[in-house]
C-alpha atoms as a PDB file:
ATOM      1  CA  MET A   1    -173.522 -85.105 -51.467  1.00  0.00           C
ATOM      2  CA  THR A   2    -175.810 -81.923 -51.110  1.00  0.00           C
ATOM      3  CA  ARG A   3    -175.730 -79.924 -53.879  1.00  0.00           C
ATOM      4  CA  THR A   4    -175.292 -76.072 -53.698  1.00  0.00           C
ATOM      5  CA  ASN A   5    -176.957 -74.005 -55.933  1.00  0.00           C
ATOM      6  CA  LYS A   6    -174.225 -71.279 -55.841  1.00  0.00           C
ATOM      7  CA  SER A   7    -176.744 -68.893 -58.938  1.00  0.00           C
ATOM      8  CA  SER A   8    -179.132 -68.779 -55.930  1.00  0.00           C
ATOM      9  CA  LYS A   9    -176.636 -67.608 -53.010  1.00  0.00           C
ATOM     10  CA  THR A  10    -175.043 -65.183 -55.221  1.00  0.00           C
ATOM     11  CA  ARG A  11    -178.845 -63.977 -56.005  1.00  0.00           C
ATOM     12  CA  ASN A  12    -179.279 -63.832 -52.639  1.00  0.00           C
ATOM     13  CA  PHE A  13    -176.285 -61.977 -51.923  1.00  0.00           C
ATOM     14  CA  PHE A  14    -176.302 -59.044 -54.320  1.00  0.00           C
ATOM     15  CA  ARG A  15    -179.865 -58.462 -53.166  1.00  0.00           C
ATOM     16  CA  LYS A  16    -178.955 -57.632 -50.178  1.00  0.00           C
ATOM     17  CA  ILE A  17    -176.023 -55.391 -51.117  1.00  0.00           C
ATOM     18  CA  LYS A  18    -178.985 -53.942 -53.373  1.00  0.00           C
ATOM     19  CA  GLY A  19    -180.862 -53.072 -50.065  1.00  0.00           C
ATOM     20  CA  LYS A  20    -178.324 -51.622 -48.224  1.00  0.00           C
ATOM     21  CA  PHE A  21    -177.588 -48.954 -51.053  1.00  0.00           C
ATOM     22  CA  GLU A  22    -181.349 -48.431 -51.431  1.00  0.00           C
ATOM     23  CA  GLY A  23    -181.965 -47.820 -47.570  1.00  0.00           C
ATOM     24  CA  SER A  24    -179.115 -44.721 -47.398  1.00  0.00           C
ATOM     25  CA  SER A  25    -179.494 -41.139 -48.199  1.00  0.00           C
ATOM     26  CA  SER A  26    -177.449 -38.420 -48.842  1.00  0.00           C
ATOM     27  CA  VAL A  27    -180.267 -35.686 -47.094  1.00  0.00           C
ATOM     28  CA  ASP A  28    -178.729 -33.395 -45.610  1.00  0.00           C
ATOM     29  CA  PRO A  29    -180.458 -33.720 -41.792  1.00  0.00           C
ATOM     30  CA  SER A  30    -180.746 -30.146 -41.668  1.00  0.00           C
ATOM     31  CA  ASP A  31    -182.722 -29.818 -44.742  1.00  0.00           C
ATOM     32  CA  LEU A  32    -185.300 -32.307 -43.382  1.00  0.00           C
ATOM     33  CA  ASN A  33    -188.900 -30.406 -41.519  1.00  0.00           C
ATOM     34  CA  GLN A  34    -188.955 -30.412 -38.024  1.00  0.00           C
ATOM     35  CA  GLU A  35    -191.884 -32.044 -37.955  1.00  0.00           C
ATOM     36  CA  SER A  36    -189.848 -35.318 -39.573  1.00  0.00           C
ATOM     37  CA  LEU A  37    -186.993 -35.221 -37.329  1.00  0.00           C
ATOM     38  CA  VAL A  38    -189.766 -35.927 -34.241  1.00  0.00           C
ATOM     39  CA  HIS A  39    -190.717 -39.966 -33.380  1.00  0.00           C
ATOM     40  CA  GLN A  40    -193.405 -40.554 -30.761  1.00  0.00           C
ATOM     41  CA  SER A  41    -192.671 -43.590 -28.353  1.00  0.00           C
ATOM     42  CA  GLY A  42    -194.984 -45.981 -26.780  1.00  0.00           C
ATOM     43  CA  GLU A  43    -197.970 -48.229 -28.625  1.00  0.00           C
ATOM     44  CA  GLY A  44    -198.694 -48.087 -31.662  1.00  0.00           C
ATOM     45  CA  SER A  45    -195.830 -45.707 -32.804  1.00  0.00           C
ATOM     46  CA  TYR A  46    -192.768 -46.266 -34.729  1.00  0.00           C
ATOM     47  CA  PRO A  47    -189.857 -45.574 -33.333  1.00  0.00           C
ATOM     48  CA  ASN A  48    -187.584 -45.903 -36.628  1.00  0.00           C
ATOM     49  CA  GLN A  49    -189.861 -44.629 -38.939  1.00  0.00           C
ATOM     50  CA  ALA A  50    -188.789 -42.725 -41.985  1.00  0.00           C
ATOM     51  CA  PRO A  51    -189.644 -39.274 -42.322  1.00  0.00           C
ATOM     52  CA  TYR A  52    -191.729 -38.180 -45.340  1.00  0.00           C
ATOM     53  CA  TYR A  53    -189.269 -37.087 -47.260  1.00  0.00           C
ATOM     54  CA  SER A  54    -189.279 -39.391 -49.835  1.00  0.00           C
ATOM     55  CA  PRO A  55    -186.471 -38.548 -53.813  1.00  0.00           C
ATOM     56  CA  GLU A  56    -189.773 -37.683 -55.654  1.00  0.00           C
ATOM     57  CA  LEU A  57    -190.235 -35.088 -53.531  1.00  0.00           C
ATOM     58  CA  SER A  58    -190.174 -31.410 -55.914  1.00  0.00           C
ATOM     59  CA  ASN A  59    -186.683 -29.631 -54.265  1.00  0.00           C
ATOM     60  CA  VAL A  60    -186.241 -26.054 -54.231  1.00  0.00           C
ATOM     61  CA  LEU A  61    -183.156 -24.233 -53.389  1.00  0.00           C
ATOM     62  CA  PHE A  62    -182.713 -20.831 -52.022  1.00  0.00           C
ATOM     63  CA  LEU A  63    -178.428 -19.870 -52.509  1.00  0.00           C
ATOM     64  CA  SER A  64    -177.430 -17.057 -51.236  1.00  0.00           C
ATOM     65  CA  LYS A  65    -173.937 -15.578 -50.861  1.00  0.00           C
ATOM     66  CA  ARG A  66    -172.318 -17.295 -47.675  1.00  0.00           C
ATOM     67  CA  GLY A  67    -175.563 -19.614 -47.323  1.00  0.00           C
ATOM     68  CA  MET A  68    -175.154 -18.332 -42.765  1.00  0.00           C
ATOM     69  CA  SER A  69    -178.076 -15.702 -43.084  1.00  0.00           C
ATOM     70  CA  ARG A  70    -180.405 -15.212 -45.903  1.00  0.00           C
ATOM     71  CA  ALA A  71    -181.090 -18.916 -47.603  1.00  0.00           C
ATOM     72  CA  PRO A  72    -181.284 -20.260 -44.038  1.00  0.00           C
ATOM     73  CA  LEU A  73    -183.998 -17.999 -42.971  1.00  0.00           C
ATOM     74  CA  ALA A  74    -185.982 -18.582 -46.542  1.00  0.00           C
ATOM     75  CA  ARG A  75    -185.649 -22.227 -46.148  1.00  0.00           C
ATOM     76  CA  GLU A  76    -187.212 -21.913 -42.208  1.00  0.00           C
ATOM     77  CA  VAL A  77    -189.932 -19.397 -43.700  1.00  0.00           C
ATOM     78  CA  MET A  78    -190.742 -21.167 -46.626  1.00  0.00           C
ATOM     79  CA  ARG A  79    -190.650 -24.580 -44.052  1.00  0.00           C
ATOM     80  CA  LYS A  80    -193.686 -22.655 -42.102  1.00  0.00           C
ATOM     81  CA  LEU A  81    -195.561 -21.564 -45.093  1.00  0.00           C
ATOM     82  CA  LEU A  82    -196.040 -24.759 -47.075  1.00  0.00           C
ATOM     83  CA  HIS A  83    -196.627 -26.685 -43.548  1.00  0.00           C
ATOM     84  CA  LEU A  84    -199.945 -24.791 -42.980  1.00  0.00           C
ATOM     85  CA  SER A  85    -200.701 -25.502 -46.542  1.00  0.00           C
ATOM     86  CA  ASP A  86    -201.945 -28.262 -49.210  1.00  0.00           C
ATOM     87  CA  LEU A  87    -198.724 -28.680 -50.440  1.00  0.00           C
ATOM     88  CA  PHE A  88    -197.206 -29.922 -47.126  1.00  0.00           C
ATOM     89  CA  GLY A  89    -195.005 -33.218 -47.358  1.00  0.00           C
ATOM     90  CA  SER A  90    -194.784 -32.335 -51.445  1.00  0.00           C
ATOM     91  CA  ILE A  91    -191.824 -29.670 -51.268  1.00  0.00           C
ATOM     92  CA  ARG A  92    -188.551 -30.026 -49.641  1.00  0.00           C
ATOM     93  CA  PRO A  93    -186.971 -26.574 -49.112  1.00  0.00           C
ATOM     94  CA  SER A  94    -182.883 -27.206 -48.663  1.00  0.00           C
ATOM     95  CA  ALA A  95    -180.473 -23.609 -48.482  1.00  0.00           C
ATOM     96  CA  ARG A  96    -176.975 -23.622 -49.269  1.00  0.00           C
ATOM     97  CA  GLY A  97    -174.346 -21.209 -49.584  1.00  0.00           C
ATOM     98  CA  ILE A  98    -171.893 -20.272 -52.584  1.00  0.00           C
ATOM     99  CA  SER A  99    -168.683 -19.834 -51.579  1.00  0.00           C
ATOM    100  CA  ASP A 100    -166.130 -22.209 -49.717  1.00  0.00           C
ATOM    101  CA  ALA A 101    -165.069 -19.677 -46.846  1.00  0.00           C
ATOM    102  CA  TYR A 102    -167.758 -20.078 -45.038  1.00  0.00           C
ATOM    103  CA  GLU A 103    -168.265 -23.991 -44.838  1.00  0.00           C
ATOM    104  CA  PHE A 104    -169.169 -25.266 -41.523  1.00  0.00           C
ATOM    105  CA  CYS A 105    -169.430 -22.018 -39.890  1.00  0.00           C
ATOM    106  CA  PRO A 106    -172.242 -21.394 -37.909  1.00  0.00           C
ATOM    107  CA  PHE A 107    -175.254 -19.240 -38.498  1.00  0.00           C
ATOM    108  CA  ASP A 108    -175.543 -15.597 -38.686  1.00  0.00           C
ATOM    109  CA  LYS A 109    -175.843 -15.344 -34.813  1.00  0.00           C
ATOM    110  CA  ARG A 110    -177.261 -11.941 -35.134  1.00  0.00           C
ATOM    111  CA  MET A 111    -180.405 -13.418 -37.764  1.00  0.00           C
ATOM    112  CA  VAL A 112    -180.915 -16.429 -35.089  1.00  0.00           C
ATOM    113  CA  HIS A 113    -182.208 -14.456 -32.689  1.00  0.00           C
ATOM    114  CA  SER A 114    -183.604 -11.926 -34.780  1.00  0.00           C
ATOM    115  CA  ALA A 115    -185.514 -15.079 -36.444  1.00  0.00           C
ATOM    116  CA  ARG A 116    -186.024 -16.015 -33.561  1.00  0.00           C
ATOM    117  CA  LYS A 117    -188.408 -12.628 -32.724  1.00  0.00           C
ATOM    118  CA  PHE A 118    -191.083 -13.619 -35.820  1.00  0.00           C
ATOM    119  CA  GLY A 119    -191.223 -17.304 -34.528  1.00  0.00           C
ATOM    120  CA  TYR A 120    -188.600 -18.943 -36.588  1.00  0.00           C
ATOM    121  CA  GLU A 121    -186.154 -21.460 -35.028  1.00  0.00           C
ATOM    122  CA  LEU A 122    -182.608 -21.785 -37.077  1.00  0.00           C
ATOM    123  CA  SER A 123    -179.870 -23.611 -36.180  1.00  0.00           C
ATOM    124  CA  GLY A 124    -176.501 -25.590 -38.015  1.00  0.00           C
ATOM    125  CA  ASN A 125    -173.689 -24.995 -39.978  1.00  0.00           C
ATOM    126  CA  VAL A 126    -173.332 -22.942 -43.289  1.00  0.00           C
ATOM    127  CA  ARG A 127    -172.928 -26.156 -46.306  1.00  0.00           C
ATOM    128  CA  ARG A 128    -171.643 -24.878 -49.594  1.00  0.00           C
ATOM    129  CA  VAL A 129    -174.003 -26.325 -52.895  1.00  0.00           C
ATOM    130  CA  ASN A 130    -172.550 -28.408 -54.524  1.00  0.00           C
ATOM    131  CA  MET A 131    -172.804 -29.607 -58.518  1.00  0.00           C
ATOM    132  CA  SER A 132    -175.681 -32.973 -57.863  1.00  0.00           C
ATOM    133  CA  GLU A 133    -178.006 -30.404 -55.747  1.00  0.00           C
ATOM    134  CA  LEU A 134    -177.868 -27.875 -58.236  1.00  0.00           C
ATOM    135  CA  SER A 135    -178.612 -30.979 -60.699  1.00  0.00           C
ATOM    136  CA  SER A 136    -181.191 -32.073 -58.413  1.00  0.00           C
ATOM    137  CA  ALA A 137    -183.343 -29.055 -57.769  1.00  0.00           C
ATOM    138  CA  ASN A 138    -186.634 -28.297 -59.626  1.00  0.00           C
ATOM    139  CA  LEU A 139    -186.148 -25.208 -59.039  1.00  0.00           C
ATOM    140  CA  ILE A 140    -183.318 -22.512 -57.741  1.00  0.00           C
ATOM    141  CA  ILE A 141    -183.925 -19.581 -55.878  1.00  0.00           C
ATOM    142  CA  THR A 142    -181.123 -16.489 -55.980  1.00  0.00           C
ATOM    143  CA  LEU A 143    -181.296 -14.214 -53.248  1.00  0.00           C
ATOM    144  CA  ASP A 144    -178.608 -12.563 -54.170  1.00  0.00           C
ATOM    145  CA  ARG A 145    -176.128 -10.626 -57.340  1.00  0.00           C
ATOM    146  CA  GLU A 146    -173.575 -13.397 -56.426  1.00  0.00           C
ATOM    147  CA  SER A 147    -176.156 -16.743 -56.056  1.00  0.00           C
ATOM    148  CA  GLU A 148    -177.828 -15.242 -59.472  1.00  0.00           C
ATOM    149  CA  GLU A 149    -174.205 -14.663 -61.051  1.00  0.00           C
ATOM    150  CA  TYR A 150    -173.068 -18.363 -59.666  1.00  0.00           C
ATOM    151  CA  THR A 151    -176.062 -20.058 -61.563  1.00  0.00           C
ATOM    152  CA  LYS A 152    -174.806 -18.372 -65.023  1.00  0.00           C
ATOM    153  CA  SER A 153    -171.762 -19.663 -64.661  1.00  0.00           C
ATOM    154  CA  ARG A 154    -172.464 -23.452 -63.867  1.00  0.00           C
ATOM    155  CA  HIS A 155    -176.108 -23.369 -66.267  1.00  0.00           C
ATOM    156  CA  PHE A 156    -174.915 -27.266 -67.465  1.00  0.00           C
ATOM    157  CA  TYR A 157    -175.232 -28.490 -64.417  1.00  0.00           C
ATOM    158  CA  ILE A 158    -178.509 -27.208 -63.769  1.00  0.00           C
ATOM    159  CA  ARG A 159    -182.404 -29.176 -64.673  1.00  0.00           C
ATOM    160  CA  GLY A 160    -184.587 -27.577 -63.270  1.00  0.00           C
ATOM    161  CA  GLU A 161    -185.570 -23.452 -63.252  1.00  0.00           C
ATOM    162  CA  VAL A 162    -183.911 -20.607 -61.680  1.00  0.00           C
ATOM    163  CA  LYS A 163    -186.032 -17.542 -60.261  1.00  0.00           C
ATOM    164  CA  ALA A 164    -184.200 -14.660 -58.576  1.00  0.00           C
ATOM    165  CA  ILE A 165    -185.975 -13.761 -55.122  1.00  0.00           C
ATOM    166  CA  GLY A 166    -186.959 -10.367 -57.383  1.00  0.00           C
ATOM    167  CA  ALA A 167    -189.286 -12.525 -59.229  1.00  0.00           C
ATOM    168  CA  PHE A 168    -191.574 -12.782 -55.880  1.00  0.00           C
ATOM    169  CA  LEU A 169    -190.835  -9.556 -54.686  1.00  0.00           C
ATOM    170  CA  PRO A 170    -193.870  -6.044 -55.510  1.00  0.00           C
ATOM    171  CA  SER A 171    -193.499  -4.052 -58.325  1.00  0.00           C
ATOM    172  CA  GLY A 172    -190.501  -1.821 -58.304  1.00  0.00           C
ATOM    173  CA  ASP A 173    -188.820  -3.097 -54.784  1.00  0.00           C
ATOM    174  CA  THR A 174    -185.359  -4.442 -54.843  1.00  0.00           C
ATOM    175  CA  PRO A 175    -184.262  -7.567 -57.075  1.00  0.00           C
ATOM    176  CA  TYR A 176    -182.683  -9.169 -54.236  1.00  0.00           C
ATOM    177  CA  VAL A 177    -182.443  -9.352 -50.292  1.00  0.00           C
ATOM    178  CA  PRO A 178    -180.136  -6.918 -48.807  1.00  0.00           C
ATOM    179  CA  ASP A 179    -176.935  -8.573 -47.823  1.00  0.00           C
ATOM    180  CA  PRO A 180    -176.946  -8.152 -43.946  1.00  0.00           C
ATOM    181  CA  PHE A 181    -172.583  -7.850 -43.430  1.00  0.00           C
ATOM    182  CA  GLU A 182    -173.140  -4.928 -45.720  1.00  0.00           C
ATOM    183  CA  SER A 183    -172.341  -1.453 -43.534  1.00  0.00           C
ATOM    184  CA  ASP A 184    -175.139   1.210 -43.956  1.00  0.00           C
ATOM    185  CA  GLU A 185    -174.447   4.399 -41.950  1.00  0.00           C
ATOM    186  CA  PHE A 186    -178.430   5.372 -41.819  1.00  0.00           C
ATOM    187  CA  ILE A 187    -179.834   1.832 -40.975  1.00  0.00           C
ATOM    188  CA  GLU A 188    -179.278  -0.005 -37.807  1.00  0.00           C
ATOM    189  CA  PRO A 189    -178.367  -3.068 -37.917  1.00  0.00           C
ATOM    190  CA  GLN A 190    -181.034  -4.262 -36.099  1.00  0.00           C
ATOM    191  CA  VAL A 191    -183.348  -2.698 -38.082  1.00  0.00           C
ATOM    192  CA  LYS A 192    -181.867  -4.164 -41.174  1.00  0.00           C
ATOM    193  CA  TYR A 193    -182.115  -7.392 -40.103  1.00  0.00           C
ATOM    194  CA  ASP A 194    -185.841  -7.480 -39.301  1.00  0.00           C
ATOM    195  CA  GLN A 195    -186.824  -6.097 -42.912  1.00  0.00           C
ATOM    196  CA  ILE A 196    -184.820  -8.830 -44.166  1.00  0.00           C
ATOM    197  CA  ILE A 197    -186.641 -11.119 -42.611  1.00  0.00           C
ATOM    198  CA  ARG A 198    -190.021  -9.346 -43.509  1.00  0.00           C
ATOM    199  CA  LEU A 199    -188.675  -9.304 -47.378  1.00  0.00           C
ATOM    200  CA  ILE A 200    -187.688 -12.462 -47.537  1.00  0.00           C
ATOM    201  CA  GLU A 201    -191.205 -13.392 -45.871  1.00  0.00           C
ATOM    202  CA  THR A 202    -193.357 -11.611 -48.809  1.00  0.00           C
ATOM    203  CA  GLY A 203    -191.131 -13.412 -51.150  1.00  0.00           C
ATOM    204  CA  CYS A 204    -191.519 -16.752 -50.046  1.00  0.00           C
ATOM    205  CA  GLN A 205    -195.683 -15.754 -49.567  1.00  0.00           C
ATOM    206  CA  ASN A 206    -195.494 -14.936 -53.676  1.00  0.00           C
ATOM    207  CA  LEU A 207    -193.351 -18.476 -54.559  1.00  0.00           C
ATOM    208  CA  LEU A 208    -196.019 -20.444 -52.056  1.00  0.00           C
ATOM    209  CA  LYS A 209    -198.630 -18.732 -54.497  1.00  0.00           C
ATOM    210  CA  SER A 210    -196.767 -19.867 -57.503  1.00  0.00           C
ATOM    211  CA  PHE A 211    -195.599 -23.011 -57.104  1.00  0.00           C
ATOM    212  CA  PRO A 212    -198.402 -25.179 -58.934  1.00  0.00           C
ATOM    213  CA  SER A 213    -196.800 -23.764 -62.356  1.00  0.00           C
ATOM    214  CA  LEU A 214    -193.099 -23.916 -60.929  1.00  0.00           C
ATOM    215  CA  VAL A 215    -192.144 -26.820 -59.345  1.00  0.00           C
END
């Protein structure tokens, strides 16, 4: 009679289970660079290869009140800047809101159309930030007063650094990015959106220059 090595079988079983867990990922696809989602087919290519994202990347989290206009725009602006820099592939930007009320709502259509004129494509739905994302972020950029207060009230979850976008804007400028949904009788809606985009572009450009000392 052939004897079965039960301990060997047990080790192999747990090895398979471990491999399944290690191969899984909780990364939101909308947070990955668009380039990482494009898989070529044909000779010499790997259709099922994983994107360049890895857990060792530095995570930069953009937060705004609703997460449907300013935060996703900042993520796309930063993606574009990173793609043209030496830091491409080492930093992963993501965008979240802080309110339950807008969870899974589509992005602000006016922002989507306005951003397209500047060369940014916004697509996806609002995601509310969770405590795991707060704790795993190496750097959190707050785009409005509400999101800054939110991080202060949850500082015990946060291990990285928190900076308001105003820290990367010209001296004397607004410390936050204006809320596109707040009415202003002196400014046309489209003009306001264009101003918001330019403001976020400036903040992200200066943020990129500061990355070596922040992440």
